[in-house]
Amino acid sequence: MHMLNNGLTFLRRKTMNLTSDAFAKSIWVSSGLAMIFALPPLVIFLGIYLHTTNLIAGVIVGFGTHFVLLGLSPRISERLSSFLED
């Protein structure tokens, strides 16, 4: 890192084989992962909370689902990437 104008700037790294297809693929995979990690736990949390009015049970199950999905993120990412291959 270099100091420039009282701010930090990072050295540019040379990117090899970065094509527009790879960039678009990474955007789609990242967006898919974000939806997979956020929406199901949110729906589960709201479903439990609105059905039983038990906030603690909804939070525990929703966060539990979220962290299980995070643990499975490499597999999910590979699967999403394989859908977008040529």
Protein backbone atom coordinates (compact mmCIF):
# COMPACT_ATOMS: atom_id res chain seq x y z
CA MET A 1 0.00 0.00 0.00
CA HIS A 2 1.08 3.50 -0.67
CA MET A 3 0.09 6.68 1.10
CA LEU A 4 -1.30 9.18 -1.38
CA ASN A 5 -3.19 12.37 -0.55
CA ASN A 6 -3.76 11.28 3.05
CA GLY A 7 -5.56 8.12 1.91
CA LEU A 8 -4.72 4.54 1.25
CA THR A 9 -4.54 3.27 -2.27
CA PHE A 10 -3.83 -0.28 -3.19
CA LEU A 11 -1.43 -1.34 -5.86
CA ARG A 12 -3.13 -2.63 -8.93
CA ARG A 13 -2.78 -6.33 -9.30
CA LYS A 14 -2.35 -7.72 -12.74
CA THR A 15 -5.39 -9.80 -13.54
CA MET A 16 -4.85 -12.66 -15.88
CA ASN A 17 -7.62 -14.19 -17.97
CA LEU A 18 -10.26 -11.77 -16.70
CA THR A 19 -12.89 -11.68 -19.40
CA SER A 20 -16.32 -10.14 -19.48
CA ASP A 21 -17.80 -13.65 -19.33
CA ALA A 22 -15.92 -14.44 -16.11
CA PHE A 23 -16.98 -11.10 -14.64
CA ALA A 24 -20.65 -11.70 -15.51
CA LYS A 25 -20.46 -15.23 -14.13
CA SER A 26 -19.04 -13.98 -10.83
CA ILE A 27 -21.83 -11.41 -10.52
CA TRP A 28 -24.53 -14.04 -11.12
CA VAL A 29 -22.97 -16.52 -8.71
CA SER A 30 -22.53 -13.85 -6.03
CA SER A 31 -26.11 -12.68 -6.42
CA GLY A 32 -27.39 -16.24 -6.25
CA LEU A 33 -25.37 -16.95 -3.13
CA ALA A 34 -26.67 -13.78 -1.47
CA MET A 35 -30.27 -14.80 -2.15
CA ILE A 36 -29.71 -18.38 -1.00
CA PHE A 37 -28.05 -17.25 2.25
CA ALA A 38 -30.57 -14.52 3.10
CA LEU A 39 -34.03 -15.42 1.85
CA PRO A 40 -34.70 -18.94 3.23
CA PRO A 41 -33.57 -18.08 6.79
CA LEU A 42 -35.62 -14.88 6.66
CA VAL A 43 -38.73 -16.74 5.49
CA ILE A 44 -38.23 -19.40 8.17
CA PHE A 45 -37.73 -16.76 10.87
CA LEU A 46 -40.82 -14.79 9.84
CA GLY A 47 -42.91 -17.94 9.42
CA ILE A 48 -42.11 -19.20 12.90
CA TYR A 49 -42.48 -15.77 14.48
CA LEU A 50 -45.79 -14.92 12.80
CA HIS A 51 -47.26 -18.39 13.32
CA THR A 52 -46.24 -18.90 16.94
CA THR A 53 -45.40 -15.32 18.07
CA ASN A 54 -42.26 -16.82 19.63
CA LEU A 55 -39.41 -14.50 18.69
CA ILE A 56 -36.65 -16.57 20.30
CA ALA A 57 -37.60 -19.78 18.45
CA GLY A 58 -37.75 -17.90 15.15
CA VAL A 59 -34.35 -16.31 15.73
CA ILE A 60 -32.68 -19.58 16.72
CA VAL A 61 -34.04 -21.56 13.78
CA GLY A 62 -33.49 -18.71 11.28
CA PHE A 63 -29.90 -18.08 12.36
CA GLY A 64 -29.24 -21.80 12.54
CA THR A 65 -30.43 -22.23 8.97
CA HIS A 66 -28.32 -19.26 7.88
CA PHE A 67 -25.13 -20.68 9.40
CA VAL A 68 -25.76 -24.17 8.03
CA LEU A 69 -26.09 -22.62 4.58
CA LEU A 70 -22.86 -20.69 5.14
CA GLY A 71 -21.14 -23.95 6.01
CA LEU A 72 -22.34 -25.41 2.73
CA SER A 73 -21.30 -22.35 0.71
CA PRO A 74 -18.39 -23.97 -1.17
CA ARG A 75 -20.67 -26.71 -2.49
CA ILE A 76 -23.44 -24.26 -3.33
CA SER A 77 -20.98 -21.97 -5.12
CA GLU A 78 -19.57 -24.85 -7.17
CA ARG A 79 -23.07 -25.94 -8.13
CA LEU A 80 -24.08 -22.42 -9.19
CA SER A 81 -20.84 -22.03 -11.14
CA SER A 82 -21.43 -25.30 -12.97
CA PHE A 83 -24.83 -24.06 -14.18
CA LEU A 84 -23.18 -21.08 -15.86
CA GLU A 85 -20.34 -22.93 -17.59
CA ASP A 86 -20.21 -23.07 -21.37
